[in-house]
Amino acid sequence: MVDITEIFLYLFLGTFSGILAGLFGIGGGIIIIPALFFTFGYLGFEQEIISHMVIGTSLGIIVFSSISSTYSHNRRKVVVWDLIKIVGPSIFIGSALGAITADQLSSETLRSLIAIFLILVSIQMAFQFPPPKQNPSTTVAGPLTVGLGIGWLSGIFGIGGGVFSVPYFFHRGFSMTQSIGSSAACGIPIAISGSISYMLVGSGNHLLPENTYGYVYFPAMILVGIASLLTAKVGVKAAHRIKQKKLRKAFALLVMIMGIRLLMT
């Protein structure tokens, strides 16, 4: 049974993550994951599967926020669909492989990897290391290989892949707004493939709580997902209007604190 406190928490998390998804093109997973660790721990989920449930549920949520964010960015004509058509299938396959890889790891190992990843992301966001120099010329093999890698890492860490795909698209010669918009579109195949894969690899696990299928917890996925779906467009509008430097640093500090806390638990 889902209580009112849990419902409120999911709606708040969805609102916050949706805005971030639109603002930074990150799919919201960076904030969803540590919040779900806290929530699922509070609900008493088994430690042996909690990391896998966090990732699977996060990817299920990102289906909603990525669709909303992509729609809003596409209305502003900043999604480069010609490249998405090439990179999308390999991203889809890579995300499924990421779920399979994560299933082979213990929950404790996965939690530590996620914590380290969050800390590294926060450092990147705080100091804004310059993206690789632009080099638009490449073969078809390049996007296919990169897409496979982005999908695989995103499937392991339960994110929309923006931390990897935004720098890559910028490297390909696109503007930053095009890179963010195209990254949002990449989150759709990542999230669909990853969440379905986590459902499949986790099905039949006797430690699963109620209201789950595999490693996806449906109350969190639906409530956070709907809230993020409705608020992602707010972040998209902000991304085209405000200077993000101070906001990015504040967000980086929050992610750093969450990463350190995860690493210490």
C-alpha atoms as a PDB file:
ATOM      1  CA  MET A   1       0.000   0.000   0.000  1.00  0.00           C
ATOM      2  CA  VAL A   2       1.395   3.416  -0.991  1.00  0.00           C
ATOM      3  CA  ASP A   3       0.929   6.018   1.780  1.00  0.00           C
ATOM      4  CA  ILE A   4       0.396   9.764   1.342  1.00  0.00           C
ATOM      5  CA  THR A   5       3.973  10.637   2.354  1.00  0.00           C
ATOM      6  CA  GLU A   6       5.368   8.363  -0.320  1.00  0.00           C
ATOM      7  CA  ILE A   7       3.014   9.839  -2.934  1.00  0.00           C
ATOM      8  CA  PHE A   8       4.018  13.400  -2.014  1.00  0.00           C
ATOM      9  CA  LEU A   9       7.709  12.487  -2.181  1.00  0.00           C
ATOM     10  CA  TYR A  10       7.336  10.960  -5.645  1.00  0.00           C
ATOM     11  CA  LEU A  11       5.427  13.975  -6.970  1.00  0.00           C
ATOM     12  CA  PHE A  12       8.022  16.391  -5.587  1.00  0.00           C
ATOM     13  CA  LEU A  13      10.871  14.316  -6.993  1.00  0.00           C
ATOM     14  CA  GLY A  14       9.173  14.130 -10.381  1.00  0.00           C
ATOM     15  CA  THR A  15       8.658  17.886 -10.510  1.00  0.00           C
ATOM     16  CA  PHE A  16      12.296  18.578  -9.635  1.00  0.00           C
ATOM     17  CA  SER A  17      13.770  15.935 -11.940  1.00  0.00           C
ATOM     18  CA  GLY A  18      11.539  16.970 -14.837  1.00  0.00           C
ATOM     19  CA  ILE A  19      12.753  20.557 -14.679  1.00  0.00           C
ATOM     20  CA  LEU A  20      16.361  19.375 -14.533  1.00  0.00           C
ATOM     21  CA  ALA A  21      15.791  17.050 -17.497  1.00  0.00           C
ATOM     22  CA  GLY A  22      14.658  19.947 -19.650  1.00  0.00           C
ATOM     23  CA  LEU A  23      17.235  22.382 -18.313  1.00  0.00           C
ATOM     24  CA  PHE A  24      20.372  20.299 -18.702  1.00  0.00           C
ATOM     25  CA  GLY A  25      19.310  17.493 -21.072  1.00  0.00           C
ATOM     26  CA  ILE A  26      20.271  14.902 -18.459  1.00  0.00           C
ATOM     27  CA  GLY A  27      17.050  12.880 -18.250  1.00  0.00           C
ATOM     28  CA  GLY A  28      16.690  13.554 -14.522  1.00  0.00           C
ATOM     29  CA  GLY A  29      18.418  10.328 -13.455  1.00  0.00           C
ATOM     30  CA  ILE A  30      21.225  12.180 -11.675  1.00  0.00           C
ATOM     31  CA  ILE A  31      18.753  13.421  -9.053  1.00  0.00           C
ATOM     32  CA  ILE A  32      16.275  10.522  -9.218  1.00  0.00           C
ATOM     33  CA  ILE A  33      18.802   7.809  -8.341  1.00  0.00           C
ATOM     34  CA  PRO A  34      20.063   9.075  -4.949  1.00  0.00           C
ATOM     35  CA  ALA A  35      16.505  10.058  -3.987  1.00  0.00           C
ATOM     36  CA  LEU A  36      15.247   6.558  -4.785  1.00  0.00           C
ATOM     37  CA  PHE A  37      18.038   4.993  -2.724  1.00  0.00           C
ATOM     38  CA  PHE A  38      16.758   6.975   0.270  1.00  0.00           C
ATOM     39  CA  THR A  39      13.100   6.218  -0.474  1.00  0.00           C
ATOM     40  CA  PHE A  40      13.516   2.495  -1.101  1.00  0.00           C
ATOM     41  CA  GLY A  41      15.684   2.191   2.000  1.00  0.00           C
ATOM     42  CA  TYR A  42      12.942   3.929   4.014  1.00  0.00           C
ATOM     43  CA  LEU A  43      10.373   1.498   2.589  1.00  0.00           C
ATOM     44  CA  GLY A  44      12.479  -1.431   3.755  1.00  0.00           C
ATOM     45  CA  PHE A  45      13.328  -2.976   0.397  1.00  0.00           C
ATOM     46  CA  GLU A  46      15.863  -5.790   0.538  1.00  0.00           C
ATOM     47  CA  GLN A  47      19.462  -4.539   0.348  1.00  0.00           C
ATOM     48  CA  GLU A  48      20.399  -7.372  -2.010  1.00  0.00           C
ATOM     49  CA  ILE A  49      18.256  -5.877  -4.792  1.00  0.00           C
ATOM     50  CA  ILE A  50      17.828  -2.225  -3.842  1.00  0.00           C
ATOM     51  CA  SER A  51      20.479  -0.891  -6.269  1.00  0.00           C
ATOM     52  CA  HIS A  52      18.998  -2.818  -9.194  1.00  0.00           C
ATOM     53  CA  MET A  53      15.499  -1.586  -8.313  1.00  0.00           C
ATOM     54  CA  VAL A  54      16.725   2.006  -8.126  1.00  0.00           C
ATOM     55  CA  ILE A  55      18.291   1.802 -11.592  1.00  0.00           C
ATOM     56  CA  GLY A  56      15.407  -0.063 -13.230  1.00  0.00           C
ATOM     57  CA  THR A  57      12.828   2.311 -11.773  1.00  0.00           C
ATOM     58  CA  SER A  58      14.923   5.354 -12.693  1.00  0.00           C
ATOM     59  CA  LEU A  59      15.012   4.249 -16.321  1.00  0.00           C
ATOM     60  CA  GLY A  60      11.256   3.704 -16.270  1.00  0.00           C
ATOM     61  CA  ILE A  61      10.789   7.266 -15.014  1.00  0.00           C
ATOM     62  CA  ILE A  62      13.119   8.659 -17.668  1.00  0.00           C
ATOM     63  CA  VAL A  63      10.804   7.295 -20.379  1.00  0.00           C
ATOM     64  CA  PHE A  64       8.315   9.985 -19.320  1.00  0.00           C
ATOM     65  CA  SER A  65      10.721  12.901 -18.849  1.00  0.00           C
ATOM     66  CA  SER A  66      12.672  12.159 -22.042  1.00  0.00           C
ATOM     67  CA  ILE A  67       9.519  12.118 -24.182  1.00  0.00           C
ATOM     68  CA  SER A  68       8.350  15.430 -22.726  1.00  0.00           C
ATOM     69  CA  SER A  69      11.778  17.045 -22.965  1.00  0.00           C
ATOM     70  CA  THR A  70      12.293  15.819 -26.541  1.00  0.00           C
ATOM     71  CA  TYR A  71       8.891  17.124 -27.612  1.00  0.00           C
ATOM     72  CA  SER A  72       9.656  20.567 -26.195  1.00  0.00           C
ATOM     73  CA  HIS A  73      13.147  20.716 -27.711  1.00  0.00           C
ATOM     74  CA  ASN A  74      11.829  19.487 -31.053  1.00  0.00           C
ATOM     75  CA  ARG A  75       9.308  22.327 -31.163  1.00  0.00           C
ATOM     76  CA  ARG A  76      12.308  24.648 -31.034  1.00  0.00           C
ATOM     77  CA  LYS A  77      13.899  22.638 -33.868  1.00  0.00           C
ATOM     78  CA  VAL A  78      17.079  21.756 -31.961  1.00  0.00           C
ATOM     79  CA  VAL A  79      16.863  17.936 -32.237  1.00  0.00           C
ATOM     80  CA  VAL A  80      19.165  16.594 -34.981  1.00  0.00           C
ATOM     81  CA  TRP A  81      17.044  13.651 -36.125  1.00  0.00           C
ATOM     82  CA  ASP A  82      19.402  12.610 -38.928  1.00  0.00           C
ATOM     83  CA  LEU A  83      22.015  11.625 -36.365  1.00  0.00           C
ATOM     84  CA  ILE A  84      19.481  10.208 -33.895  1.00  0.00           C
ATOM     85  CA  LYS A  85      18.339   7.764 -36.602  1.00  0.00           C
ATOM     86  CA  ILE A  86      21.902   6.430 -36.794  1.00  0.00           C
ATOM     87  CA  VAL A  87      22.799   6.439 -33.123  1.00  0.00           C
ATOM     88  CA  GLY A  88      19.382   5.396 -31.714  1.00  0.00           C
ATOM     89  CA  PRO A  89      19.443   1.659 -32.542  1.00  0.00           C
ATOM     90  CA  SER A  90      22.926   1.150 -31.078  1.00  0.00           C
ATOM     91  CA  ILE A  91      21.931   3.114 -27.965  1.00  0.00           C
ATOM     92  CA  PHE A  92      18.885   0.842 -27.597  1.00  0.00           C
ATOM     93  CA  ILE A  93      21.061  -2.281 -27.774  1.00  0.00           C
ATOM     94  CA  GLY A  94      23.708  -0.808 -25.479  1.00  0.00           C
ATOM     95  CA  SER A  95      21.168   0.028 -22.766  1.00  0.00           C
ATOM     96  CA  ALA A  96      19.905  -3.571 -22.745  1.00  0.00           C
ATOM     97  CA  LEU A  97      23.499  -4.800 -22.438  1.00  0.00           C
ATOM     98  CA  GLY A  98      24.002  -2.382 -19.542  1.00  0.00           C
ATOM     99  CA  ALA A  99      21.069  -3.917 -17.673  1.00  0.00           C
ATOM    100  CA  ILE A 100      22.452  -7.398 -18.246  1.00  0.00           C
ATOM    101  CA  THR A 101      25.879  -6.254 -17.016  1.00  0.00           C
ATOM    102  CA  ALA A 102      24.418  -4.633 -13.884  1.00  0.00           C
ATOM    103  CA  ASP A 103      22.479  -7.817 -13.094  1.00  0.00           C
ATOM    104  CA  GLN A 104      25.805  -9.630 -12.720  1.00  0.00           C
ATOM    105  CA  LEU A 105      26.996  -7.181 -10.043  1.00  0.00           C
ATOM    106  CA  SER A 106      26.086  -7.224  -6.365  1.00  0.00           C
ATOM    107  CA  SER A 107      23.871  -4.432  -5.044  1.00  0.00           C
ATOM    108  CA  GLU A 108      26.725  -3.147  -2.866  1.00  0.00           C
ATOM    109  CA  THR A 109      29.162  -2.989  -5.792  1.00  0.00           C
ATOM    110  CA  LEU A 110      26.568  -1.263  -7.951  1.00  0.00           C
ATOM    111  CA  ARG A 111      25.842   1.291  -5.227  1.00  0.00           C
ATOM    112  CA  SER A 112      29.564   2.122  -4.929  1.00  0.00           C
ATOM    113  CA  LEU A 113      29.935   2.494  -8.698  1.00  0.00           C
ATOM    114  CA  ILE A 114      26.911   4.800  -8.823  1.00  0.00           C
ATOM    115  CA  ALA A 115      28.259   6.904  -5.945  1.00  0.00           C
ATOM    116  CA  ILE A 116      31.636   7.334  -7.662  1.00  0.00           C
ATOM    117  CA  PHE A 117      29.889   8.167 -10.917  1.00  0.00           C
ATOM    118  CA  LEU A 118      27.778  10.870  -9.229  1.00  0.00           C
ATOM    119  CA  ILE A 119      30.870  12.425  -7.651  1.00  0.00           C
ATOM    120  CA  LEU A 120      32.659  12.521 -11.016  1.00  0.00           C
ATOM    121  CA  VAL A 121      29.598  14.055 -12.682  1.00  0.00           C
ATOM    122  CA  SER A 122      29.376  16.727  -9.980  1.00  0.00           C
ATOM    123  CA  ILE A 123      33.034  17.676 -10.537  1.00  0.00           C
ATOM    124  CA  GLN A 124      32.434  17.956 -14.279  1.00  0.00           C
ATOM    125  CA  MET A 125      29.355  20.118 -13.739  1.00  0.00           C
ATOM    126  CA  ALA A 126      31.040  22.368 -11.166  1.00  0.00           C
ATOM    127  CA  PHE A 127      34.179  23.096 -13.153  1.00  0.00           C
ATOM    128  CA  GLN A 128      32.654  22.725 -16.627  1.00  0.00           C
ATOM    129  CA  PHE A 129      35.701  21.181 -18.246  1.00  0.00           C
ATOM    130  CA  PRO A 130      35.597  22.153 -21.917  1.00  0.00           C
ATOM    131  CA  PRO A 131      33.995  19.596 -24.246  1.00  0.00           C
ATOM    132  CA  PRO A 132      36.196  18.008 -26.908  1.00  0.00           C
ATOM    133  CA  LYS A 133      37.003  20.204 -29.900  1.00  0.00           C
ATOM    134  CA  GLN A 134      34.433  20.099 -32.638  1.00  0.00           C
ATOM    135  CA  ASN A 135      35.117  17.638 -35.437  1.00  0.00           C
ATOM    136  CA  PRO A 136      32.007  17.183 -37.600  1.00  0.00           C
ATOM    137  CA  SER A 137      33.611  14.712 -40.019  1.00  0.00           C
ATOM    138  CA  THR A 138      33.156  11.069 -39.063  1.00  0.00           C
ATOM    139  CA  THR A 139      32.087   7.737 -40.526  1.00  0.00           C
ATOM    140  CA  VAL A 140      28.843   5.913 -39.724  1.00  0.00           C
ATOM    141  CA  ALA A 141      30.854   3.497 -37.571  1.00  0.00           C
ATOM    142  CA  GLY A 142      31.703   6.330 -35.161  1.00  0.00           C
ATOM    143  CA  PRO A 143      28.137   7.140 -34.046  1.00  0.00           C
ATOM    144  CA  LEU A 144      27.231   3.453 -33.924  1.00  0.00           C
ATOM    145  CA  THR A 145      30.165   2.650 -31.629  1.00  0.00           C
ATOM    146  CA  VAL A 146      29.664   5.706 -29.446  1.00  0.00           C
ATOM    147  CA  GLY A 147      25.923   4.996 -29.222  1.00  0.00           C
ATOM    148  CA  LEU A 148      26.599   1.472 -28.018  1.00  0.00           C
ATOM    149  CA  GLY A 149      28.917   2.812 -25.312  1.00  0.00           C
ATOM    150  CA  ILE A 150      26.518   5.562 -24.223  1.00  0.00           C
ATOM    151  CA  GLY A 151      23.648   3.073 -24.020  1.00  0.00           C
ATOM    152  CA  TRP A 152      25.723   0.536 -22.080  1.00  0.00           C
ATOM    153  CA  LEU A 153      26.911   3.040 -19.453  1.00  0.00           C
ATOM    154  CA  SER A 154      23.450   4.574 -19.165  1.00  0.00           C
ATOM    155  CA  GLY A 155      21.916   1.129 -18.637  1.00  0.00           C
ATOM    156  CA  ILE A 156      24.365   0.404 -15.829  1.00  0.00           C
ATOM    157  CA  PHE A 157      23.919   3.732 -14.044  1.00  0.00           C
ATOM    158  CA  GLY A 158      20.193   4.246 -14.717  1.00  0.00           C
ATOM    159  CA  ILE A 159      20.520   7.631 -16.430  1.00  0.00           C
ATOM    160  CA  GLY A 160      19.345   9.202 -19.681  1.00  0.00           C
ATOM    161  CA  GLY A 161      22.901   9.451 -20.975  1.00  0.00           C
ATOM    162  CA  GLY A 162      23.108  13.250 -21.243  1.00  0.00           C
ATOM    163  CA  VAL A 163      26.431  13.452 -19.423  1.00  0.00           C
ATOM    164  CA  PHE A 164      27.909  11.402 -22.264  1.00  0.00           C
ATOM    165  CA  SER A 165      25.818  12.378 -25.276  1.00  0.00           C
ATOM    166  CA  VAL A 166      25.834  16.176 -24.848  1.00  0.00           C
ATOM    167  CA  PRO A 167      29.655  16.409 -25.127  1.00  0.00           C
ATOM    168  CA  TYR A 168      29.599  13.928 -28.016  1.00  0.00           C
ATOM    169  CA  PHE A 169      27.019  15.872 -30.024  1.00  0.00           C
ATOM    170  CA  PHE A 170      28.918  19.089 -29.387  1.00  0.00           C
ATOM    171  CA  HIS A 171      32.066  17.343 -30.629  1.00  0.00           C
ATOM    172  CA  ARG A 172      30.157  16.435 -33.789  1.00  0.00           C
ATOM    173  CA  GLY A 173      29.808  20.155 -34.523  1.00  0.00           C
ATOM    174  CA  PHE A 174      26.344  20.954 -33.139  1.00  0.00           C
ATOM    175  CA  SER A 175      25.485  23.986 -31.022  1.00  0.00           C
ATOM    176  CA  MET A 176      24.999  23.443 -27.289  1.00  0.00           C
ATOM    177  CA  THR A 177      21.210  23.778 -27.584  1.00  0.00           C
ATOM    178  CA  GLN A 178      21.199  21.222 -30.423  1.00  0.00           C
ATOM    179  CA  SER A 179      23.391  18.937 -28.316  1.00  0.00           C
ATOM    180  CA  ILE A 180      21.030  19.154 -25.335  1.00  0.00           C
ATOM    181  CA  GLY A 181      17.946  18.638 -27.504  1.00  0.00           C
ATOM    182  CA  SER A 182      19.450  15.653 -29.305  1.00  0.00           C
ATOM    183  CA  SER A 183      20.632  14.216 -25.995  1.00  0.00           C
ATOM    184  CA  ALA A 184      17.062  14.365 -24.686  1.00  0.00           C
ATOM    185  CA  ALA A 185      15.945  12.346 -27.731  1.00  0.00           C
ATOM    186  CA  CYS A 186      18.607   9.730 -26.995  1.00  0.00           C
ATOM    187  CA  GLY A 187      17.096   9.273 -23.550  1.00  0.00           C
ATOM    188  CA  ILE A 188      13.983   7.689 -25.067  1.00  0.00           C
ATOM    189  CA  PRO A 189      15.607   4.504 -26.497  1.00  0.00           C
ATOM    190  CA  ILE A 190      17.908   4.310 -23.477  1.00  0.00           C
ATOM    191  CA  ALA A 191      15.008   4.415 -21.016  1.00  0.00           C
ATOM    192  CA  ILE A 192      12.653   2.122 -22.932  1.00  0.00           C
ATOM    193  CA  SER A 193      15.278  -0.530 -23.598  1.00  0.00           C
ATOM    194  CA  GLY A 194      16.837  -0.287 -20.137  1.00  0.00           C
ATOM    195  CA  SER A 195      13.603  -0.395 -18.147  1.00  0.00           C
ATOM    196  CA  ILE A 196      12.250  -3.360 -20.106  1.00  0.00           C
ATOM    197  CA  SER A 197      15.565  -5.168 -19.682  1.00  0.00           C
ATOM    198  CA  TYR A 198      15.536  -4.582 -15.907  1.00  0.00           C
ATOM    199  CA  MET A 199      12.008  -5.959 -15.797  1.00  0.00           C
ATOM    200  CA  LEU A 200      13.134  -9.103 -17.590  1.00  0.00           C
ATOM    201  CA  VAL A 201      16.392  -9.774 -15.742  1.00  0.00           C
ATOM    202  CA  GLY A 202      14.684  -9.200 -12.375  1.00  0.00           C
ATOM    203  CA  SER A 203      11.534 -11.188 -13.015  1.00  0.00           C
ATOM    204  CA  GLY A 204      11.125 -14.127 -10.674  1.00  0.00           C
ATOM    205  CA  ASN A 205      13.378 -12.728  -7.947  1.00  0.00           C
ATOM    206  CA  HIS A 206      11.807 -13.835  -4.657  1.00  0.00           C
ATOM    207  CA  LEU A 207      13.020 -10.715  -2.816  1.00  0.00           C
ATOM    208  CA  LEU A 208      10.929  -8.301  -4.873  1.00  0.00           C
ATOM    209  CA  PRO A 209       8.293  -6.240  -2.999  1.00  0.00           C
ATOM    210  CA  GLU A 210       4.708  -5.778  -4.122  1.00  0.00           C
ATOM    211  CA  ASN A 211       3.813  -3.525  -7.072  1.00  0.00           C
ATOM    212  CA  THR A 212       6.891  -4.446  -9.048  1.00  0.00           C
ATOM    213  CA  TYR A 213       7.670  -6.247 -12.250  1.00  0.00           C
ATOM    214  CA  GLY A 214      11.268  -7.290 -12.275  1.00  0.00           C
ATOM    215  CA  TYR A 215      13.390  -4.465 -10.901  1.00  0.00           C
ATOM    216  CA  VAL A 216      10.877  -1.706 -11.727  1.00  0.00           C
ATOM    217  CA  TYR A 217       8.714  -0.375  -8.871  1.00  0.00           C
ATOM    218  CA  PHE A 218       5.556   0.910 -10.520  1.00  0.00           C
ATOM    219  CA  PRO A 219       4.238   3.427  -7.921  1.00  0.00           C
ATOM    220  CA  ALA A 220       7.508   5.383  -8.140  1.00  0.00           C
ATOM    221  CA  MET A 221       7.797   5.010 -11.909  1.00  0.00           C
ATOM    222  CA  ILE A 222       4.246   6.233 -12.617  1.00  0.00           C
ATOM    223  CA  LEU A 223       4.010   9.083 -10.097  1.00  0.00           C
ATOM    224  CA  VAL A 224       7.515  10.477 -10.597  1.00  0.00           C
ATOM    225  CA  GLY A 225       7.212   9.884 -14.328  1.00  0.00           C
ATOM    226  CA  ILE A 226       3.925  11.776 -14.735  1.00  0.00           C
ATOM    227  CA  ALA A 227       5.174  14.715 -12.647  1.00  0.00           C
ATOM    228  CA  SER A 228       8.401  14.902 -14.657  1.00  0.00           C
ATOM    229  CA  LEU A 229       6.433  14.644 -17.900  1.00  0.00           C
ATOM    230  CA  LEU A 230       4.461  17.742 -16.950  1.00  0.00           C
ATOM    231  CA  THR A 231       7.426  19.814 -15.752  1.00  0.00           C
ATOM    232  CA  ALA A 232      10.199  19.007 -18.249  1.00  0.00           C
ATOM    233  CA  LYS A 233       8.943  21.754 -20.564  1.00  0.00           C
ATOM    234  CA  VAL A 234       9.560  24.283 -17.776  1.00  0.00           C
ATOM    235  CA  GLY A 235      13.223  23.316 -17.782  1.00  0.00           C
ATOM    236  CA  VAL A 236      13.374  23.529 -21.578  1.00  0.00           C
ATOM    237  CA  LYS A 237      12.068  27.103 -21.498  1.00  0.00           C
ATOM    238  CA  ALA A 238      14.579  28.002 -18.798  1.00  0.00           C
ATOM    239  CA  ALA A 239      17.441  26.444 -20.783  1.00  0.00           C
ATOM    240  CA  HIS A 240      16.799  28.932 -23.578  1.00  0.00           C
ATOM    241  CA  ARG A 241      16.449  31.969 -21.294  1.00  0.00           C
ATOM    242  CA  ILE A 242      18.725  31.881 -18.254  1.00  0.00           C
ATOM    243  CA  LYS A 243      22.435  31.818 -17.572  1.00  0.00           C
ATOM    244  CA  GLN A 244      23.089  28.401 -16.093  1.00  0.00           C
ATOM    245  CA  LYS A 245      26.508  28.881 -14.494  1.00  0.00           C
ATOM    246  CA  LYS A 246      25.437  29.513 -10.879  1.00  0.00           C
ATOM    247  CA  LEU A 247      22.558  27.069 -11.079  1.00  0.00           C
ATOM    248  CA  ARG A 248      24.852  24.379 -12.477  1.00  0.00           C
ATOM    249  CA  LYS A 249      27.350  24.831  -9.642  1.00  0.00           C
ATOM    250  CA  ALA A 250      24.619  24.631  -6.995  1.00  0.00           C
ATOM    251  CA  PHE A 251      23.262  21.485  -8.594  1.00  0.00           C
ATOM    252  CA  ALA A 252      26.789  20.032  -8.795  1.00  0.00           C
ATOM    253  CA  LEU A 253      27.211  20.571  -5.042  1.00  0.00           C
ATOM    254  CA  LEU A 254      23.934  18.759  -4.363  1.00  0.00           C
ATOM    255  CA  VAL A 255      24.979  15.809  -6.546  1.00  0.00           C
ATOM    256  CA  MET A 256      28.394  15.717  -4.842  1.00  0.00           C
ATOM    257  CA  ILE A 257      26.796  15.510  -1.378  1.00  0.00           C
ATOM    258  CA  MET A 258      24.458  12.738  -2.516  1.00  0.00           C
ATOM    259  CA  GLY A 259      27.303  10.789  -4.105  1.00  0.00           C
ATOM    260  CA  ILE A 260      29.466  11.010  -0.974  1.00  0.00           C
ATOM    261  CA  ARG A 261      26.559   9.974   1.226  1.00  0.00           C
ATOM    262  CA  LEU A 262      25.874   6.938  -0.959  1.00  0.00           C
ATOM    263  CA  LEU A 263      29.549   5.987  -0.858  1.00  0.00           C
ATOM    264  CA  MET A 264      29.595   6.162   2.952  1.00  0.00           C
ATOM    265  CA  THR A 265      26.450   4.085   3.575  1.00  0.00           C
END
